[in-house]
Amino acid sequence: RHLPSDNGKYSAVGIATFGPAGVNPTRTKDYGTILAGSPKREWRGVDLLTPIARACGLGDDGGGGKRVAVVGFDTDVNAPALAEFRHRRYLQEQQQQQKRRTRQSPSPDNNNDDKPLTSLSYVTIGTGVGVGLVLNSQPIHGLLHPEGGHVAIRPLEGDAFAGYSWGAERSPYGG
């Protein structure tokens, strides 16, 4: 729905990142940053929101605060969960409008067809098992970074890859 504005800059941008991330816009100190608890030491405290917003021509509000109305910032599981939810709601609304135009009655064999979508679970598998939740049409945030868990993969014999998320010094398999 957001298109480039008349001045050639974006009118909105969405950012999805690994966590834990500061996703609560009322906590201006850490909103848009990677939190101190990140296992990725070099990323701790990094402000992602401000430079990306500025590069897209959105800047800040002039008072040092971060613009939250036109910049969405969430975790890499909640952002796609919300996108999937909104897309499915849009399709559902289109189907309902089509039924009204053609005066179709609700389907008697499946009562769920006409109930509005209100919740969704989105699962992604990467270095961990991420779970994004939308309940009552809102993404769920809490005290901790929401995820289903981490699965430590035992490296194959002779595997010298140093990029496992836990690092060689913390490997559950001794290196």
N, C-alpha and C. Protein backbone atom coordinates (compact mmCIF):
# COMPACT_ATOMS: atom_id res chain seq x y z
N ARG A 1 0.80 -1.20 0.00
CA ARG A 1 0.00 0.00 0.00
C ARG A 1 0.85 1.26 0.00
N HIS A 2 2.10 1.15 0.41
CA HIS A 2 2.96 2.32 0.45
C HIS A 2 3.80 2.35 -0.81
N LEU A 3 3.74 3.43 -1.52
CA LEU A 3 4.50 3.62 -2.74
C LEU A 3 5.49 4.75 -2.52
N PRO A 4 6.52 4.86 -3.36
CA PRO A 4 7.43 5.99 -3.22
C PRO A 4 6.65 7.30 -3.24
N SER A 5 7.06 8.23 -2.38
CA SER A 5 6.39 9.51 -2.31
C SER A 5 6.78 10.38 -3.49
N ASP A 6 6.20 11.55 -3.58
CA ASP A 6 6.44 12.45 -4.70
C ASP A 6 7.90 12.87 -4.82
N ASN A 7 8.63 12.89 -3.70
CA ASN A 7 10.02 13.32 -3.74
C ASN A 7 10.98 12.18 -4.06
N GLY A 8 10.48 11.03 -4.44
CA GLY A 8 11.32 9.90 -4.81
C GLY A 8 11.82 9.07 -3.65
N LYS A 9 11.43 9.41 -2.45
CA LYS A 9 11.82 8.66 -1.27
C LYS A 9 10.67 7.73 -0.88
N TYR A 10 10.98 6.77 -0.07
CA TYR A 10 9.93 5.84 0.38
C TYR A 10 8.99 6.53 1.36
N SER A 11 7.75 6.08 1.37
CA SER A 11 6.80 6.60 2.35
C SER A 11 6.73 5.72 3.58
N ALA A 12 7.28 4.51 3.51
CA ALA A 12 7.32 3.60 4.66
C ALA A 12 8.34 2.51 4.39
N VAL A 13 8.81 1.87 5.46
CA VAL A 13 9.75 0.77 5.33
C VAL A 13 9.52 -0.19 6.49
N GLY A 14 9.75 -1.47 6.24
CA GLY A 14 9.65 -2.48 7.28
C GLY A 14 11.00 -3.17 7.46
N ILE A 15 11.39 -3.39 8.71
CA ILE A 15 12.67 -4.03 9.03
C ILE A 15 12.38 -5.27 9.87
N ALA A 16 12.92 -6.40 9.45
CA ALA A 16 12.80 -7.65 10.20
C ALA A 16 14.22 -8.13 10.50
N THR A 17 14.49 -8.45 11.76
CA THR A 17 15.84 -8.81 12.15
C THR A 17 15.87 -10.00 13.11
N PHE A 18 17.05 -10.60 13.21
CA PHE A 18 17.25 -11.62 14.24
C PHE A 18 17.13 -10.94 15.59
N GLY A 19 16.96 -11.72 16.61
CA GLY A 19 16.80 -11.14 17.93
C GLY A 19 17.86 -11.64 18.88
N PRO A 20 17.70 -11.24 20.10
CA PRO A 20 16.63 -10.38 20.58
C PRO A 20 16.81 -8.94 20.12
N ALA A 21 15.69 -8.31 19.83
CA ALA A 21 15.69 -6.95 19.31
C ALA A 21 14.70 -6.10 20.09
N GLY A 22 14.96 -4.82 20.14
CA GLY A 22 14.06 -3.88 20.80
C GLY A 22 12.89 -3.56 19.90
N VAL A 23 11.76 -4.23 20.13
CA VAL A 23 10.60 -4.08 19.25
C VAL A 23 9.47 -3.26 19.86
N ASN A 24 9.67 -2.76 21.07
CA ASN A 24 8.62 -1.97 21.73
C ASN A 24 8.89 -0.49 21.47
N PRO A 25 8.04 0.17 20.65
CA PRO A 25 8.30 1.57 20.30
C PRO A 25 8.21 2.53 21.47
N THR A 26 7.61 2.13 22.58
CA THR A 26 7.55 3.02 23.74
C THR A 26 8.86 3.03 24.52
N ARG A 27 9.73 2.07 24.25
CA ARG A 27 11.05 2.03 24.89
C ARG A 27 12.05 2.63 23.91
N THR A 28 12.05 3.95 23.80
CA THR A 28 12.84 4.63 22.77
C THR A 28 14.34 4.38 22.90
N LYS A 29 14.83 4.05 24.09
CA LYS A 29 16.26 3.82 24.27
C LYS A 29 16.75 2.63 23.44
N ASP A 30 15.95 1.54 23.40
CA ASP A 30 16.42 0.36 22.68
C ASP A 30 15.55 -0.03 21.48
N TYR A 31 14.51 0.77 21.19
CA TYR A 31 13.68 0.44 20.02
C TYR A 31 14.51 0.53 18.75
N GLY A 32 14.45 -0.49 17.94
CA GLY A 32 15.16 -0.51 16.67
C GLY A 32 16.59 -1.00 16.78
N THR A 33 16.97 -1.53 17.95
CA THR A 33 18.34 -2.00 18.15
C THR A 33 18.37 -3.49 18.44
N ILE A 34 19.56 -4.06 18.30
CA ILE A 34 19.80 -5.43 18.75
C ILE A 34 20.12 -5.32 20.25
N LEU A 35 19.43 -6.10 21.05
CA LEU A 35 19.56 -6.00 22.50
C LEU A 35 20.86 -6.62 23.02
N ALA A 36 21.23 -6.24 24.23
CA ALA A 36 22.47 -6.68 24.85
C ALA A 36 22.55 -8.19 25.03
N GLY A 37 21.42 -8.87 25.08
CA GLY A 37 21.42 -10.32 25.28
C GLY A 37 21.68 -11.13 24.02
N SER A 38 21.95 -10.48 22.91
CA SER A 38 22.18 -11.21 21.66
C SER A 38 23.42 -12.09 21.76
N PRO A 39 23.35 -13.32 21.26
CA PRO A 39 24.55 -14.16 21.24
C PRO A 39 25.58 -13.65 20.22
N LYS A 40 25.18 -12.74 19.37
CA LYS A 40 26.08 -12.16 18.37
C LYS A 40 26.69 -10.89 18.96
N ARG A 41 27.81 -11.04 19.64
CA ARG A 41 28.42 -9.96 20.43
C ARG A 41 28.60 -8.67 19.63
N GLU A 42 29.08 -8.79 18.41
CA GLU A 42 29.37 -7.60 17.61
C GLU A 42 28.11 -6.81 17.26
N TRP A 43 26.95 -7.43 17.37
CA TRP A 43 25.70 -6.77 17.03
C TRP A 43 25.02 -6.13 18.23
N ARG A 44 25.45 -6.44 19.43
CA ARG A 44 24.80 -5.93 20.64
C ARG A 44 24.80 -4.39 20.64
N GLY A 45 23.61 -3.83 20.82
CA GLY A 45 23.46 -2.38 20.88
C GLY A 45 23.43 -1.68 19.54
N VAL A 46 23.56 -2.41 18.45
CA VAL A 46 23.56 -1.77 17.13
C VAL A 46 22.17 -1.26 16.79
N ASP A 47 22.10 0.01 16.40
CA ASP A 47 20.85 0.65 15.99
C ASP A 47 20.64 0.36 14.51
N LEU A 48 19.69 -0.47 14.18
CA LEU A 48 19.37 -0.78 12.79
C LEU A 48 18.39 0.22 12.20
N LEU A 49 17.46 0.66 13.01
CA LEU A 49 16.34 1.47 12.52
C LEU A 49 16.77 2.82 11.98
N THR A 50 17.57 3.56 12.72
CA THR A 50 17.91 4.93 12.34
C THR A 50 18.63 5.02 11.00
N PRO A 51 19.72 4.27 10.77
CA PRO A 51 20.40 4.42 9.47
C PRO A 51 19.57 3.92 8.29
N ILE A 52 18.77 2.90 8.50
CA ILE A 52 17.94 2.42 7.40
C ILE A 52 16.84 3.41 7.09
N ALA A 53 16.21 3.95 8.12
CA ALA A 53 15.16 4.96 7.91
C ALA A 53 15.72 6.18 7.19
N ARG A 54 16.89 6.63 7.61
CA ARG A 54 17.51 7.80 6.96
C ARG A 54 17.86 7.49 5.51
N ALA A 55 18.41 6.31 5.25
CA ALA A 55 18.77 5.94 3.88
C ALA A 55 17.54 5.88 2.97
N CYS A 56 16.39 5.60 3.56
CA CYS A 56 15.14 5.55 2.79
C CYS A 56 14.43 6.90 2.75
N GLY A 57 15.08 7.94 3.29
CA GLY A 57 14.51 9.27 3.26
C GLY A 57 13.48 9.52 4.34
N LEU A 58 13.47 8.69 5.38
CA LEU A 58 12.47 8.84 6.43
C LEU A 58 13.05 9.53 7.66
N GLY A 59 14.38 9.46 7.86
CA GLY A 59 15.04 10.15 8.95
C GLY A 59 14.42 9.89 10.30
N ASP A 60 14.59 10.87 11.22
CA ASP A 60 13.95 10.77 12.52
C ASP A 60 12.98 11.92 12.66
N ASP A 61 12.40 12.07 13.82
CA ASP A 61 11.35 13.07 13.99
C ASP A 61 11.89 14.48 14.24
N GLY A 62 13.21 14.67 14.15
CA GLY A 62 13.81 15.98 14.37
C GLY A 62 14.13 16.23 15.82
N GLY A 63 13.51 15.51 16.72
CA GLY A 63 13.76 15.70 18.15
C GLY A 63 14.62 14.60 18.73
N GLY A 64 15.23 13.80 17.90
CA GLY A 64 16.08 12.72 18.40
C GLY A 64 15.33 11.42 18.59
N GLY A 65 14.01 11.46 18.53
CA GLY A 65 13.22 10.25 18.66
C GLY A 65 13.15 9.53 17.32
N LYS A 66 12.76 8.28 17.35
CA LYS A 66 12.68 7.51 16.11
C LYS A 66 11.26 7.53 15.56
N ARG A 67 11.15 7.70 14.26
CA ARG A 67 9.82 7.72 13.63
C ARG A 67 9.27 6.31 13.62
N VAL A 68 8.15 6.13 14.27
CA VAL A 68 7.58 4.78 14.34
C VAL A 68 6.36 4.64 13.44
N ALA A 69 5.77 5.75 13.02
CA ALA A 69 4.55 5.67 12.22
C ALA A 69 4.81 5.10 10.83
N VAL A 70 5.98 5.35 10.27
CA VAL A 70 6.26 4.92 8.91
C VAL A 70 7.33 3.85 8.81
N VAL A 71 7.89 3.45 9.95
CA VAL A 71 8.92 2.42 9.96
C VAL A 71 8.46 1.29 10.86
N GLY A 72 8.28 0.10 10.27
CA GLY A 72 7.93 -1.07 11.06
C GLY A 72 9.20 -1.79 11.45
N PHE A 73 9.31 -2.22 12.70
CA PHE A 73 10.50 -2.92 13.17
C PHE A 73 10.05 -4.09 14.04
N ASP A 74 10.47 -5.30 13.66
CA ASP A 74 10.08 -6.47 14.43
C ASP A 74 11.09 -7.58 14.18
N THR A 75 10.87 -8.71 14.84
CA THR A 75 11.77 -9.84 14.69
C THR A 75 11.54 -10.53 13.34
N ASP A 76 12.51 -11.34 12.98
CA ASP A 76 12.45 -12.04 11.69
C ASP A 76 11.44 -13.18 11.68
N VAL A 77 10.74 -13.40 12.78
CA VAL A 77 9.62 -14.35 12.76
C VAL A 77 8.29 -13.63 12.87
N ASN A 78 8.23 -12.56 13.67
CA ASN A 78 6.96 -11.85 13.81
C ASN A 78 6.62 -11.03 12.56
N ALA A 79 7.61 -10.45 11.91
CA ALA A 79 7.33 -9.66 10.71
C ALA A 79 6.68 -10.51 9.62
N PRO A 80 7.24 -11.66 9.26
CA PRO A 80 6.56 -12.47 8.25
C PRO A 80 5.23 -13.05 8.74
N ALA A 81 5.12 -13.31 10.06
CA ALA A 81 3.84 -13.79 10.59
C ALA A 81 2.77 -12.72 10.37
N LEU A 82 3.11 -11.48 10.67
CA LEU A 82 2.16 -10.38 10.49
C LEU A 82 1.85 -10.16 9.00
N ALA A 83 2.87 -10.27 8.14
CA ALA A 83 2.64 -10.12 6.70
C ALA A 83 1.71 -11.22 6.18
N GLU A 84 1.95 -12.46 6.61
CA GLU A 84 1.09 -13.58 6.20
C GLU A 84 -0.32 -13.37 6.70
N PHE A 85 -0.44 -12.92 7.95
CA PHE A 85 -1.76 -12.67 8.53
C PHE A 85 -2.50 -11.60 7.73
N ARG A 86 -1.85 -10.49 7.45
CA ARG A 86 -2.50 -9.40 6.71
C ARG A 86 -2.87 -9.82 5.30
N HIS A 87 -2.00 -10.60 4.67
CA HIS A 87 -2.31 -11.07 3.32
C HIS A 87 -3.52 -12.00 3.33
N ARG A 88 -3.56 -12.92 4.27
CA ARG A 88 -4.70 -13.83 4.36
C ARG A 88 -5.99 -13.09 4.69
N ARG A 89 -5.91 -12.08 5.57
CA ARG A 89 -7.09 -11.26 5.88
C ARG A 89 -7.57 -10.51 4.64
N TYR A 90 -6.62 -9.98 3.88
CA TYR A 90 -6.96 -9.27 2.64
C TYR A 90 -7.68 -10.21 1.68
N LEU A 91 -7.13 -11.41 1.47
CA LEU A 91 -7.77 -12.38 0.58
C LEU A 91 -9.15 -12.77 1.08
N GLN A 92 -9.27 -12.94 2.38
CA GLN A 92 -10.55 -13.30 2.98
C GLN A 92 -11.58 -12.18 2.74
N GLU A 93 -11.16 -10.94 2.92
CA GLU A 93 -12.06 -9.81 2.69
C GLU A 93 -12.48 -9.72 1.22
N GLN A 94 -11.54 -10.01 0.31
CA GLN A 94 -11.85 -10.01 -1.12
C GLN A 94 -12.89 -11.09 -1.45
N GLN A 95 -12.73 -12.27 -0.87
CA GLN A 95 -13.68 -13.36 -1.10
C GLN A 95 -15.06 -13.00 -0.56
N GLN A 96 -15.09 -12.37 0.62
CA GLN A 96 -16.38 -11.98 1.20
C GLN A 96 -17.06 -10.91 0.36
N GLN A 97 -16.29 -9.96 -0.16
CA GLN A 97 -16.87 -8.94 -1.04
C GLN A 97 -17.42 -9.56 -2.31
N GLN A 98 -16.69 -10.54 -2.86
CA GLN A 98 -17.15 -11.23 -4.06
C GLN A 98 -18.47 -11.97 -3.78
N LYS A 99 -18.56 -12.62 -2.62
CA LYS A 99 -19.80 -13.31 -2.26
C LYS A 99 -20.97 -12.33 -2.15
N ARG A 100 -20.71 -11.17 -1.56
CA ARG A 100 -21.77 -10.17 -1.42
C ARG A 100 -22.21 -9.64 -2.79
N ARG A 101 -21.24 -9.43 -3.68
CA ARG A 101 -21.58 -8.94 -5.03
C ARG A 101 -22.41 -9.95 -5.80
N THR A 102 -22.08 -11.22 -5.63
CA THR A 102 -22.80 -12.26 -6.37
C THR A 102 -23.94 -12.85 -5.55
N ARG A 103 -24.12 -12.31 -4.34
CA ARG A 103 -25.20 -12.72 -3.43
C ARG A 103 -25.16 -14.22 -3.12
N GLN A 104 -23.95 -14.71 -2.92
CA GLN A 104 -23.79 -16.11 -2.52
C GLN A 104 -24.03 -16.24 -1.03
N SER A 105 -24.68 -17.29 -0.66
CA SER A 105 -24.91 -17.53 0.77
C SER A 105 -23.68 -18.23 1.36
N PRO A 106 -23.50 -18.14 2.68
CA PRO A 106 -22.37 -18.82 3.32
C PRO A 106 -22.38 -20.32 3.03
N SER A 107 -21.20 -20.89 2.99
CA SER A 107 -21.05 -22.32 2.72
C SER A 107 -21.59 -23.14 3.90
N PRO A 108 -22.57 -24.01 3.68
CA PRO A 108 -23.13 -24.78 4.79
C PRO A 108 -22.20 -25.89 5.27
N ASP A 109 -21.28 -26.35 4.43
CA ASP A 109 -20.43 -27.47 4.80
C ASP A 109 -19.19 -27.05 5.58
N ASN A 110 -18.84 -25.77 5.59
CA ASN A 110 -17.66 -25.33 6.33
C ASN A 110 -17.93 -23.95 6.92
N ASN A 111 -18.33 -23.91 8.17
CA ASN A 111 -18.68 -22.66 8.81
C ASN A 111 -17.49 -21.73 9.01
N ASN A 112 -16.26 -22.24 8.95
CA ASN A 112 -15.09 -21.39 9.16
C ASN A 112 -14.81 -20.45 8.00
N ASP A 113 -15.39 -20.71 6.83
CA ASP A 113 -15.14 -19.86 5.67
C ASP A 113 -15.52 -18.41 5.91
N ASP A 114 -16.55 -18.18 6.67
CA ASP A 114 -17.06 -16.83 6.84
C ASP A 114 -16.62 -16.17 8.15
N LYS A 115 -15.84 -16.85 8.96
CA LYS A 115 -15.33 -16.26 10.19
C LYS A 115 -14.05 -15.50 9.88
N PRO A 116 -13.92 -14.28 10.39
CA PRO A 116 -12.69 -13.53 10.11
C PRO A 116 -11.49 -14.16 10.80
N LEU A 117 -10.38 -14.17 10.09
CA LEU A 117 -9.13 -14.67 10.65
C LEU A 117 -8.68 -13.72 11.76
N THR A 118 -8.36 -14.25 12.93
CA THR A 118 -7.91 -13.41 14.05
C THR A 118 -6.55 -13.84 14.58
N SER A 119 -6.12 -15.07 14.29
CA SER A 119 -4.87 -15.57 14.86
C SER A 119 -4.13 -16.41 13.84
N LEU A 120 -2.80 -16.46 14.01
CA LEU A 120 -1.97 -17.21 13.09
C LEU A 120 -0.65 -17.55 13.79
N SER A 121 -0.12 -18.71 13.49
CA SER A 121 1.20 -19.12 13.98
C SER A 121 2.09 -19.32 12.76
N TYR A 122 3.29 -18.78 12.82
CA TYR A 122 4.25 -18.86 11.72
C TYR A 122 5.53 -19.48 12.27
N VAL A 123 5.94 -20.60 11.72
CA VAL A 123 7.13 -21.31 12.19
C VAL A 123 8.20 -21.25 11.11
N THR A 124 9.41 -20.90 11.52
CA THR A 124 10.53 -20.87 10.59
C THR A 124 11.68 -21.67 11.20
N ILE A 125 12.40 -22.38 10.34
CA ILE A 125 13.49 -23.21 10.82
C ILE A 125 14.78 -22.73 10.19
N GLY A 126 15.73 -22.37 11.05
CA GLY A 126 17.05 -21.89 10.62
C GLY A 126 18.06 -22.40 11.62
N THR A 127 18.80 -21.48 12.26
CA THR A 127 19.71 -21.90 13.33
C THR A 127 18.94 -22.26 14.58
N GLY A 128 17.68 -21.89 14.61
CA GLY A 128 16.77 -22.26 15.69
C GLY A 128 15.41 -22.53 15.09
N VAL A 129 14.45 -22.73 15.93
CA VAL A 129 13.07 -22.89 15.49
C VAL A 129 12.33 -21.64 15.95
N GLY A 130 12.08 -20.72 15.04
CA GLY A 130 11.42 -19.47 15.38
C GLY A 130 9.91 -19.61 15.24
N VAL A 131 9.19 -18.95 16.13
CA VAL A 131 7.74 -18.96 16.09
C VAL A 131 7.24 -17.53 16.20
N GLY A 132 6.54 -17.08 15.17
CA GLY A 132 5.89 -15.79 15.21
C GLY A 132 4.41 -16.01 15.44
N LEU A 133 3.84 -15.26 16.36
CA LEU A 133 2.43 -15.43 16.70
C LEU A 133 1.66 -14.14 16.50
N VAL A 134 0.49 -14.26 15.90
CA VAL A 134 -0.46 -13.16 15.81
C VAL A 134 -1.72 -13.65 16.50
N LEU A 135 -2.10 -12.96 17.58
CA LEU A 135 -3.30 -13.31 18.33
C LEU A 135 -4.19 -12.07 18.41
N ASN A 136 -5.48 -12.26 18.17
CA ASN A 136 -6.42 -11.14 18.15
C ASN A 136 -5.92 -10.01 17.26
N SER A 137 -5.37 -10.39 16.11
CA SER A 137 -4.91 -9.48 15.06
C SER A 137 -3.67 -8.68 15.43
N GLN A 138 -2.96 -9.04 16.50
CA GLN A 138 -1.76 -8.32 16.93
C GLN A 138 -0.59 -9.28 17.10
N PRO A 139 0.62 -8.88 16.66
CA PRO A 139 1.78 -9.74 16.91
C PRO A 139 2.07 -9.82 18.40
N ILE A 140 2.53 -10.97 18.85
CA ILE A 140 2.81 -11.19 20.27
C ILE A 140 4.27 -10.84 20.56
N HIS A 141 4.45 -10.03 21.59
CA HIS A 141 5.77 -9.70 22.11
C HIS A 141 5.74 -9.98 23.60
N GLY A 142 6.88 -10.24 24.15
CA GLY A 142 6.91 -10.52 25.57
C GLY A 142 8.23 -10.14 26.18
N LEU A 143 8.50 -10.73 27.31
CA LEU A 143 9.72 -10.43 28.03
C LEU A 143 10.95 -10.86 27.25
N LEU A 144 10.88 -12.01 26.61
CA LEU A 144 12.02 -12.56 25.88
C LEU A 144 11.72 -12.63 24.39
N HIS A 145 12.77 -12.89 23.63
CA HIS A 145 12.64 -13.09 22.20
C HIS A 145 11.86 -14.38 21.96
N PRO A 146 10.70 -14.32 21.29
CA PRO A 146 9.90 -15.54 21.15
C PRO A 146 10.49 -16.51 20.14
N GLU A 147 10.68 -17.72 20.57
CA GLU A 147 11.09 -18.76 19.64
C GLU A 147 10.74 -20.12 20.20
N GLY A 148 10.69 -21.07 19.31
CA GLY A 148 10.32 -22.42 19.71
C GLY A 148 11.47 -23.20 20.30
N GLY A 149 12.69 -22.76 20.07
CA GLY A 149 13.84 -23.45 20.62
C GLY A 149 15.01 -23.46 19.66
N HIS A 150 16.11 -23.95 20.11
CA HIS A 150 17.30 -24.09 19.27
C HIS A 150 17.64 -25.56 19.16
N VAL A 151 18.07 -25.95 17.99
CA VAL A 151 18.50 -27.31 17.76
C VAL A 151 19.98 -27.24 17.39
N ALA A 152 20.83 -27.74 18.26
CA ALA A 152 22.26 -27.75 17.97
C ALA A 152 22.56 -28.91 17.04
N ILE A 153 23.11 -28.60 15.90
CA ILE A 153 23.43 -29.61 14.90
C ILE A 153 24.88 -30.05 15.10
N ARG A 154 25.07 -31.36 15.31
CA ARG A 154 26.43 -31.87 15.46
C ARG A 154 27.14 -31.79 14.10
N PRO A 155 28.30 -31.09 14.07
CA PRO A 155 29.04 -31.01 12.82
C PRO A 155 29.50 -32.40 12.37
N LEU A 156 29.60 -32.58 11.07
CA LEU A 156 30.12 -33.83 10.53
C LEU A 156 31.61 -33.94 10.83
N GLU A 157 32.12 -35.16 10.87
CA GLU A 157 33.54 -35.36 11.11
C GLU A 157 34.34 -34.64 10.03
N GLY A 158 35.32 -33.87 10.47
CA GLY A 158 36.17 -33.12 9.53
C GLY A 158 35.59 -31.77 9.12
N ASP A 159 34.41 -31.43 9.61
CA ASP A 159 33.78 -30.14 9.28
C ASP A 159 34.52 -29.02 10.00
N ALA A 160 35.11 -28.10 9.25
CA ALA A 160 35.89 -27.02 9.85
C ALA A 160 35.13 -25.69 9.81
N PHE A 161 33.86 -25.71 9.47
CA PHE A 161 33.07 -24.47 9.38
C PHE A 161 33.03 -23.78 10.74
N ALA A 162 33.43 -22.53 10.78
CA ALA A 162 33.52 -21.79 12.05
C ALA A 162 32.30 -20.92 12.30
N GLY A 163 31.30 -20.99 11.44
CA GLY A 163 30.18 -20.06 11.53
C GLY A 163 28.95 -20.55 12.27
N TYR A 164 29.05 -21.62 13.05
CA TYR A 164 27.88 -22.06 13.79
C TYR A 164 27.49 -21.00 14.81
N SER A 165 26.21 -20.82 15.04
CA SER A 165 25.72 -19.70 15.85
C SER A 165 26.23 -19.73 17.28
N TRP A 166 26.59 -20.88 17.81
CA TRP A 166 27.06 -20.94 19.20
C TRP A 166 28.54 -20.66 19.30
N GLY A 167 29.30 -20.67 18.18
CA GLY A 167 30.73 -20.43 18.20
C GLY A 167 31.49 -21.64 18.71
N ALA A 168 32.72 -21.76 18.31
CA ALA A 168 33.54 -22.92 18.66
C ALA A 168 33.73 -23.06 20.17
N GLU A 169 33.87 -21.91 20.88
CA GLU A 169 34.12 -21.99 22.32
C GLU A 169 32.91 -22.44 23.12
N ARG A 170 31.71 -22.32 22.58
CA ARG A 170 30.51 -22.71 23.31
C ARG A 170 29.78 -23.89 22.69
N SER A 171 30.40 -24.55 21.76
CA SER A 171 29.78 -25.67 21.07
C SER A 171 29.38 -26.75 22.07
N PRO A 172 28.14 -27.22 21.98
CA PRO A 172 27.72 -28.30 22.88
C PRO A 172 28.44 -29.61 22.60
N TYR A 173 29.23 -29.65 21.50
CA TYR A 173 29.92 -30.88 21.13
C TYR A 173 31.43 -30.76 21.33
N GLY A 174 31.87 -29.74 22.08
CA GLY A 174 33.28 -29.64 22.42
C GLY A 174 34.14 -29.00 21.35
N GLY A 175 33.60 -28.22 20.45
CA GLY A 175 34.42 -27.51 19.46
C GLY A 175 33.93 -27.70 18.08
